[in-house]
Amino acid sequence: MIINIPKFGGEIEIRSPNLATCFEFVSLWSTHGDNTAELARLCAGAIGVSIDHLAKLPRYNAAKHRPSSYGHICLDRMLSRGCSPSVIYQEGIKCLSVMTQQIPSQKEVDEKVNFTTAEEMDT
């Protein structure tokens, strides 16, 4: 997927982070309620982890950061570079949506277990 952040050069191809990072961000996104400040941090952080390969924002370190604190760092950096809040929300939601698609559903987990069990029985 491509996001468009004019202050970072326009169109950028995003890469999905690891599954644990996707799960953390998506879980918080689903529980943020009406807290727009929290949503802004999650959106900025989602952009940060999705464009990590370009080194435009600080690197996410799961041992050091929490999604909200990392998002705060990214939000500050993006706003100071002139990114508008609307772009951060719009493009961050795209990143969070991609992360949501990466998390396996219960059905996919069950199918993987069944496939693995059948494969083990064949050997």
N, C-alpha and C. Protein backbone atom coordinates (compact mmCIF):
# COMPACT_ATOMS: atom_id res chain seq x y z
N MET A 1 0.85 -1.18 0.00
CA MET A 1 0.00 0.00 0.00
C MET A 1 0.89 1.24 0.00
N ILE A 2 0.36 2.27 -0.57
CA ILE A 2 1.05 3.55 -0.67
C ILE A 2 0.33 4.57 0.22
N ILE A 3 1.11 5.32 0.99
CA ILE A 3 0.55 6.46 1.71
C ILE A 3 1.17 7.72 1.11
N ASN A 4 0.52 8.84 1.35
CA ASN A 4 1.00 10.10 0.78
C ASN A 4 1.23 11.12 1.89
N ILE A 5 2.50 11.39 2.14
CA ILE A 5 2.87 12.39 3.14
C ILE A 5 3.74 13.42 2.43
N PRO A 6 3.14 14.51 1.97
CA PRO A 6 3.87 15.50 1.19
C PRO A 6 5.17 15.99 1.85
N LYS A 7 5.17 16.17 3.15
CA LYS A 7 6.36 16.69 3.84
C LYS A 7 7.49 15.66 3.92
N PHE A 8 7.18 14.40 3.59
CA PHE A 8 8.19 13.35 3.56
C PHE A 8 8.46 12.89 2.13
N GLY A 9 8.13 13.72 1.17
CA GLY A 9 8.42 13.41 -0.22
C GLY A 9 7.27 12.86 -1.03
N GLY A 10 6.08 12.83 -0.47
CA GLY A 10 4.92 12.38 -1.23
C GLY A 10 4.59 10.92 -1.00
N GLU A 11 4.45 10.18 -2.10
CA GLU A 11 4.01 8.80 -2.01
C GLU A 11 5.11 7.90 -1.44
N ILE A 12 4.71 7.08 -0.47
CA ILE A 12 5.64 6.20 0.22
C ILE A 12 5.02 4.81 0.30
N GLU A 13 5.77 3.80 -0.09
CA GLU A 13 5.30 2.43 0.07
C GLU A 13 5.52 2.01 1.51
N ILE A 14 4.46 1.52 2.14
CA ILE A 14 4.59 1.09 3.52
C ILE A 14 4.87 -0.40 3.59
N ARG A 15 5.50 -0.79 4.69
CA ARG A 15 5.77 -2.20 4.97
C ARG A 15 5.17 -2.52 6.33
N SER A 16 4.51 -3.64 6.40
CA SER A 16 3.89 -4.03 7.65
C SER A 16 4.96 -4.46 8.65
N PRO A 17 4.87 -3.98 9.88
CA PRO A 17 5.83 -4.43 10.90
C PRO A 17 5.52 -5.87 11.33
N ASN A 18 6.28 -6.39 12.26
CA ASN A 18 6.05 -7.77 12.72
C ASN A 18 4.67 -7.90 13.35
N LEU A 19 4.21 -9.13 13.48
CA LEU A 19 2.85 -9.38 13.96
C LEU A 19 2.60 -8.86 15.37
N ALA A 20 3.59 -8.97 16.24
CA ALA A 20 3.40 -8.49 17.61
C ALA A 20 3.18 -6.98 17.63
N THR A 21 3.94 -6.26 16.83
CA THR A 21 3.77 -4.81 16.74
C THR A 21 2.41 -4.47 16.15
N CYS A 22 2.02 -5.19 15.10
CA CYS A 22 0.68 -4.98 14.52
C CYS A 22 -0.39 -5.19 15.59
N PHE A 23 -0.26 -6.28 16.35
CA PHE A 23 -1.26 -6.59 17.37
C PHE A 23 -1.34 -5.50 18.43
N GLU A 24 -0.19 -5.01 18.89
CA GLU A 24 -0.18 -3.95 19.90
C GLU A 24 -0.90 -2.70 19.41
N PHE A 25 -0.53 -2.24 18.21
CA PHE A 25 -1.13 -1.01 17.68
C PHE A 25 -2.62 -1.19 17.43
N VAL A 26 -3.00 -2.31 16.82
CA VAL A 26 -4.42 -2.53 16.49
C VAL A 26 -5.25 -2.68 17.75
N SER A 27 -4.71 -3.37 18.76
CA SER A 27 -5.45 -3.52 20.02
C SER A 27 -5.72 -2.17 20.66
N LEU A 28 -4.73 -1.31 20.68
CA LEU A 28 -4.93 0.02 21.24
C LEU A 28 -5.88 0.86 20.39
N TRP A 29 -5.79 0.69 19.08
CA TRP A 29 -6.67 1.42 18.17
C TRP A 29 -8.12 1.04 18.44
N SER A 30 -8.37 -0.24 18.69
CA SER A 30 -9.75 -0.69 18.89
C SER A 30 -10.32 -0.25 20.23
N THR A 31 -9.47 0.21 21.14
CA THR A 31 -9.96 0.60 22.47
C THR A 31 -9.75 2.08 22.78
N HIS A 32 -9.34 2.88 21.81
CA HIS A 32 -9.02 4.29 22.10
C HIS A 32 -10.26 5.13 22.41
N GLY A 33 -11.43 4.68 22.01
CA GLY A 33 -12.66 5.44 22.28
C GLY A 33 -12.65 6.77 21.56
N ASP A 34 -13.04 7.82 22.27
CA ASP A 34 -13.12 9.15 21.68
C ASP A 34 -11.90 10.00 22.00
N ASN A 35 -10.83 9.39 22.43
CA ASN A 35 -9.63 10.12 22.80
C ASN A 35 -8.84 10.47 21.54
N THR A 36 -9.07 11.68 21.02
CA THR A 36 -8.43 12.08 19.76
C THR A 36 -6.91 12.24 19.89
N ALA A 37 -6.44 12.62 21.07
CA ALA A 37 -5.00 12.73 21.27
C ALA A 37 -4.35 11.36 21.18
N GLU A 38 -4.98 10.36 21.77
CA GLU A 38 -4.46 8.98 21.70
C GLU A 38 -4.49 8.48 20.25
N LEU A 39 -5.56 8.78 19.54
CA LEU A 39 -5.66 8.37 18.14
C LEU A 39 -4.56 9.03 17.31
N ALA A 40 -4.28 10.29 17.56
CA ALA A 40 -3.20 10.98 16.83
C ALA A 40 -1.86 10.31 17.08
N ARG A 41 -1.59 9.94 18.34
CA ARG A 41 -0.34 9.25 18.66
C ARG A 41 -0.27 7.89 17.98
N LEU A 42 -1.38 7.14 18.00
CA LEU A 42 -1.39 5.83 17.35
C LEU A 42 -1.20 5.94 15.85
N CYS A 43 -1.83 6.94 15.24
CA CYS A 43 -1.68 7.14 13.80
C CYS A 43 -0.24 7.50 13.44
N ALA A 44 0.34 8.42 14.19
CA ALA A 44 1.73 8.81 13.94
C ALA A 44 2.67 7.63 14.16
N GLY A 45 2.44 6.88 15.23
CA GLY A 45 3.27 5.70 15.49
C GLY A 45 3.11 4.64 14.42
N ALA A 46 1.88 4.45 13.95
CA ALA A 46 1.64 3.47 12.88
C ALA A 46 2.38 3.87 11.61
N ILE A 47 2.40 5.15 11.32
CA ILE A 47 3.18 5.62 10.17
C ILE A 47 4.65 5.33 10.41
N GLY A 48 5.12 5.64 11.61
CA GLY A 48 6.54 5.42 11.93
C GLY A 48 6.98 3.99 11.74
N VAL A 49 6.22 3.03 12.27
CA VAL A 49 6.62 1.63 12.13
C VAL A 49 6.44 1.13 10.71
N SER A 50 5.54 1.74 9.96
CA SER A 50 5.27 1.30 8.58
C SER A 50 6.27 1.85 7.57
N ILE A 51 6.95 2.95 7.93
CA ILE A 51 7.96 3.50 7.02
C ILE A 51 9.35 3.43 7.66
N ASP A 52 9.50 2.53 8.61
CA ASP A 52 10.76 2.39 9.33
C ASP A 52 11.93 2.16 8.38
N HIS A 53 11.68 1.45 7.28
CA HIS A 53 12.74 1.14 6.31
C HIS A 53 13.32 2.38 5.64
N LEU A 54 12.64 3.51 5.76
CA LEU A 54 13.13 4.75 5.14
C LEU A 54 13.88 5.66 6.10
N ALA A 55 13.85 5.33 7.39
CA ALA A 55 14.53 6.11 8.43
C ALA A 55 14.11 7.59 8.43
N LYS A 56 12.84 7.84 8.21
CA LYS A 56 12.32 9.21 8.25
C LYS A 56 11.90 9.61 9.67
N LEU A 57 11.59 8.61 10.48
CA LEU A 57 11.17 8.82 11.86
C LEU A 57 12.01 7.90 12.75
N PRO A 58 12.03 8.16 14.05
CA PRO A 58 12.81 7.29 14.93
C PRO A 58 12.38 5.83 14.82
N ARG A 59 13.31 4.95 15.05
CA ARG A 59 13.06 3.51 14.99
C ARG A 59 12.26 3.07 16.22
N TYR A 60 11.27 2.19 15.98
CA TYR A 60 10.47 1.64 17.07
C TYR A 60 11.23 0.50 17.73
N ASN A 61 11.35 0.56 19.03
CA ASN A 61 12.01 -0.48 19.81
C ASN A 61 10.99 -0.98 20.83
N ALA A 62 10.45 -2.18 20.59
CA ALA A 62 9.38 -2.70 21.44
C ALA A 62 9.82 -2.87 22.90
N ALA A 63 11.10 -3.11 23.12
CA ALA A 63 11.60 -3.26 24.49
C ALA A 63 11.67 -1.91 25.21
N LYS A 64 11.76 -0.84 24.46
CA LYS A 64 11.93 0.51 25.02
C LYS A 64 10.64 1.33 24.97
N HIS A 65 9.89 1.21 23.88
CA HIS A 65 8.71 2.05 23.65
C HIS A 65 7.41 1.28 23.86
N ARG A 66 6.39 2.02 24.11
CA ARG A 66 5.01 1.55 24.02
C ARG A 66 4.43 2.28 22.81
N PRO A 67 3.42 1.70 22.15
CA PRO A 67 2.88 2.38 20.97
C PRO A 67 2.53 3.84 21.21
N SER A 68 1.93 4.15 22.36
CA SER A 68 1.52 5.53 22.63
C SER A 68 2.73 6.46 22.81
N SER A 69 3.73 6.00 23.55
CA SER A 69 4.91 6.87 23.76
C SER A 69 5.70 7.03 22.47
N TYR A 70 5.81 5.94 21.71
CA TYR A 70 6.49 6.03 20.41
C TYR A 70 5.70 6.95 19.48
N GLY A 71 4.37 6.81 19.50
CA GLY A 71 3.52 7.66 18.67
C GLY A 71 3.67 9.13 19.01
N HIS A 72 3.84 9.42 20.30
CA HIS A 72 4.05 10.80 20.74
C HIS A 72 5.34 11.36 20.12
N ILE A 73 6.38 10.57 20.12
CA ILE A 73 7.66 10.99 19.52
C ILE A 73 7.49 11.26 18.03
N CYS A 74 6.81 10.33 17.34
CA CYS A 74 6.59 10.50 15.90
C CYS A 74 5.67 11.68 15.61
N LEU A 75 4.63 11.83 16.42
CA LEU A 75 3.70 12.95 16.23
C LEU A 75 4.43 14.27 16.36
N ASP A 76 5.25 14.40 17.37
CA ASP A 76 6.03 15.63 17.55
C ASP A 76 6.93 15.89 16.36
N ARG A 77 7.61 14.86 15.89
CA ARG A 77 8.52 15.00 14.75
C ARG A 77 7.75 15.38 13.49
N MET A 78 6.61 14.73 13.26
CA MET A 78 5.84 15.01 12.05
C MET A 78 5.25 16.42 12.08
N LEU A 79 4.69 16.82 13.22
CA LEU A 79 4.14 18.18 13.32
C LEU A 79 5.23 19.23 13.17
N SER A 80 6.40 18.98 13.75
CA SER A 80 7.49 19.96 13.65
C SER A 80 8.03 20.08 12.22
N ARG A 81 7.81 19.05 11.42
CA ARG A 81 8.22 19.10 10.00
C ARG A 81 7.12 19.64 9.10
N GLY A 82 6.01 20.04 9.71
CA GLY A 82 4.94 20.68 8.94
C GLY A 82 3.86 19.75 8.44
N CYS A 83 3.82 18.51 8.90
CA CYS A 83 2.73 17.61 8.51
C CYS A 83 1.45 18.07 9.19
N SER A 84 0.37 18.10 8.44
CA SER A 84 -0.90 18.52 9.03
C SER A 84 -1.53 17.38 9.81
N PRO A 85 -2.27 17.70 10.86
CA PRO A 85 -2.96 16.65 11.61
C PRO A 85 -3.87 15.78 10.73
N SER A 86 -4.52 16.40 9.75
CA SER A 86 -5.42 15.62 8.89
C SER A 86 -4.65 14.57 8.09
N VAL A 87 -3.46 14.92 7.62
CA VAL A 87 -2.63 13.94 6.89
C VAL A 87 -2.19 12.83 7.83
N ILE A 88 -1.81 13.18 9.05
CA ILE A 88 -1.38 12.17 10.03
C ILE A 88 -2.52 11.21 10.33
N TYR A 89 -3.72 11.74 10.55
CA TYR A 89 -4.87 10.87 10.79
C TYR A 89 -5.17 9.99 9.58
N GLN A 90 -5.29 10.62 8.42
CA GLN A 90 -5.69 9.91 7.21
C GLN A 90 -4.71 8.80 6.85
N GLU A 91 -3.44 9.13 6.82
CA GLU A 91 -2.43 8.15 6.40
C GLU A 91 -2.14 7.14 7.52
N GLY A 92 -2.27 7.57 8.76
CA GLY A 92 -2.09 6.65 9.88
C GLY A 92 -3.18 5.59 9.93
N ILE A 93 -4.42 5.98 9.63
CA ILE A 93 -5.52 5.02 9.59
C ILE A 93 -5.26 3.99 8.50
N LYS A 94 -4.70 4.40 7.38
CA LYS A 94 -4.35 3.44 6.33
C LYS A 94 -3.34 2.42 6.85
N CYS A 95 -2.33 2.90 7.56
CA CYS A 95 -1.32 2.01 8.12
C CYS A 95 -1.94 1.05 9.14
N LEU A 96 -2.79 1.56 10.01
CA LEU A 96 -3.46 0.71 11.00
C LEU A 96 -4.35 -0.32 10.31
N SER A 97 -4.99 0.05 9.22
CA SER A 97 -5.84 -0.89 8.48
C SER A 97 -5.02 -2.02 7.88
N VAL A 98 -3.85 -1.69 7.37
CA VAL A 98 -2.95 -2.73 6.84
C VAL A 98 -2.50 -3.65 7.97
N MET A 99 -2.20 -3.08 9.13
CA MET A 99 -1.79 -3.90 10.28
C MET A 99 -2.92 -4.85 10.69
N THR A 100 -4.15 -4.36 10.66
CA THR A 100 -5.30 -5.18 11.02
C THR A 100 -5.39 -6.41 10.12
N GLN A 101 -5.13 -6.23 8.86
CA GLN A 101 -5.20 -7.34 7.90
C GLN A 101 -4.10 -8.37 8.12
N GLN A 102 -3.02 -7.99 8.79
CA GLN A 102 -1.90 -8.91 9.02
C GLN A 102 -2.17 -9.87 10.17
N ILE A 103 -3.03 -9.48 11.10
CA ILE A 103 -3.29 -10.31 12.28
C ILE A 103 -4.20 -11.46 11.88
N PRO A 104 -3.77 -12.69 12.14
CA PRO A 104 -4.59 -13.84 11.74
C PRO A 104 -5.88 -13.93 12.53
N SER A 105 -6.94 -14.32 11.85
CA SER A 105 -8.23 -14.53 12.51
C SER A 105 -8.19 -15.88 13.22
N GLN A 106 -9.17 -16.13 14.07
CA GLN A 106 -9.24 -17.43 14.76
C GLN A 106 -9.36 -18.56 13.76
N LYS A 107 -10.13 -18.34 12.70
CA LYS A 107 -10.30 -19.36 11.66
C LYS A 107 -8.96 -19.68 11.00
N GLU A 108 -8.19 -18.65 10.69
CA GLU A 108 -6.88 -18.87 10.07
C GLU A 108 -5.94 -19.62 11.02
N VAL A 109 -6.01 -19.31 12.30
CA VAL A 109 -5.19 -20.01 13.29
C VAL A 109 -5.60 -21.47 13.35
N ASP A 110 -6.91 -21.72 13.41
CA ASP A 110 -7.40 -23.10 13.46
C ASP A 110 -7.00 -23.88 12.22
N GLU A 111 -7.09 -23.25 11.05
CA GLU A 111 -6.71 -23.92 9.81
C GLU A 111 -5.22 -24.24 9.81
N LYS A 112 -4.41 -23.34 10.30
CA LYS A 112 -2.96 -23.57 10.38
C LYS A 112 -2.67 -24.74 11.31
N VAL A 113 -3.34 -24.80 12.45
CA VAL A 113 -3.15 -25.91 13.40
C VAL A 113 -3.56 -27.22 12.75
N ASN A 114 -4.71 -27.23 12.08
CA ASN A 114 -5.17 -28.44 11.42
C ASN A 114 -4.23 -28.88 10.32
N PHE A 115 -3.70 -27.95 9.56
CA PHE A 115 -2.77 -28.27 8.49
C PHE A 115 -1.47 -28.83 9.08
N THR A 116 -0.98 -28.19 10.12
CA THR A 116 0.26 -28.64 10.75
C THR A 116 0.08 -30.04 11.35
N THR A 117 -1.05 -30.28 12.01
CA THR A 117 -1.31 -31.59 12.61
C THR A 117 -1.40 -32.66 11.53
N ALA A 118 -2.11 -32.39 10.45
CA ALA A 118 -2.23 -33.36 9.35
C ALA A 118 -0.86 -33.61 8.72
N GLU A 119 -0.06 -32.58 8.59
CA GLU A 119 1.26 -32.71 7.99
C GLU A 119 2.17 -33.59 8.88
N GLU A 120 2.09 -33.40 10.18
CA GLU A 120 2.88 -34.19 11.12
C GLU A 120 2.47 -35.64 11.09
N MET A 121 1.18 -35.91 10.89
CA MET A 121 0.69 -37.30 10.85
C MET A 121 1.15 -38.02 9.59
N ASP A 122 1.41 -37.27 8.52
CA ASP A 122 1.86 -37.86 7.26
C ASP A 122 3.31 -38.31 7.33
N THR A 123 4.08 -37.78 8.26
CA THR A 123 5.51 -38.13 8.32
C THR A 123 5.79 -39.26 9.27
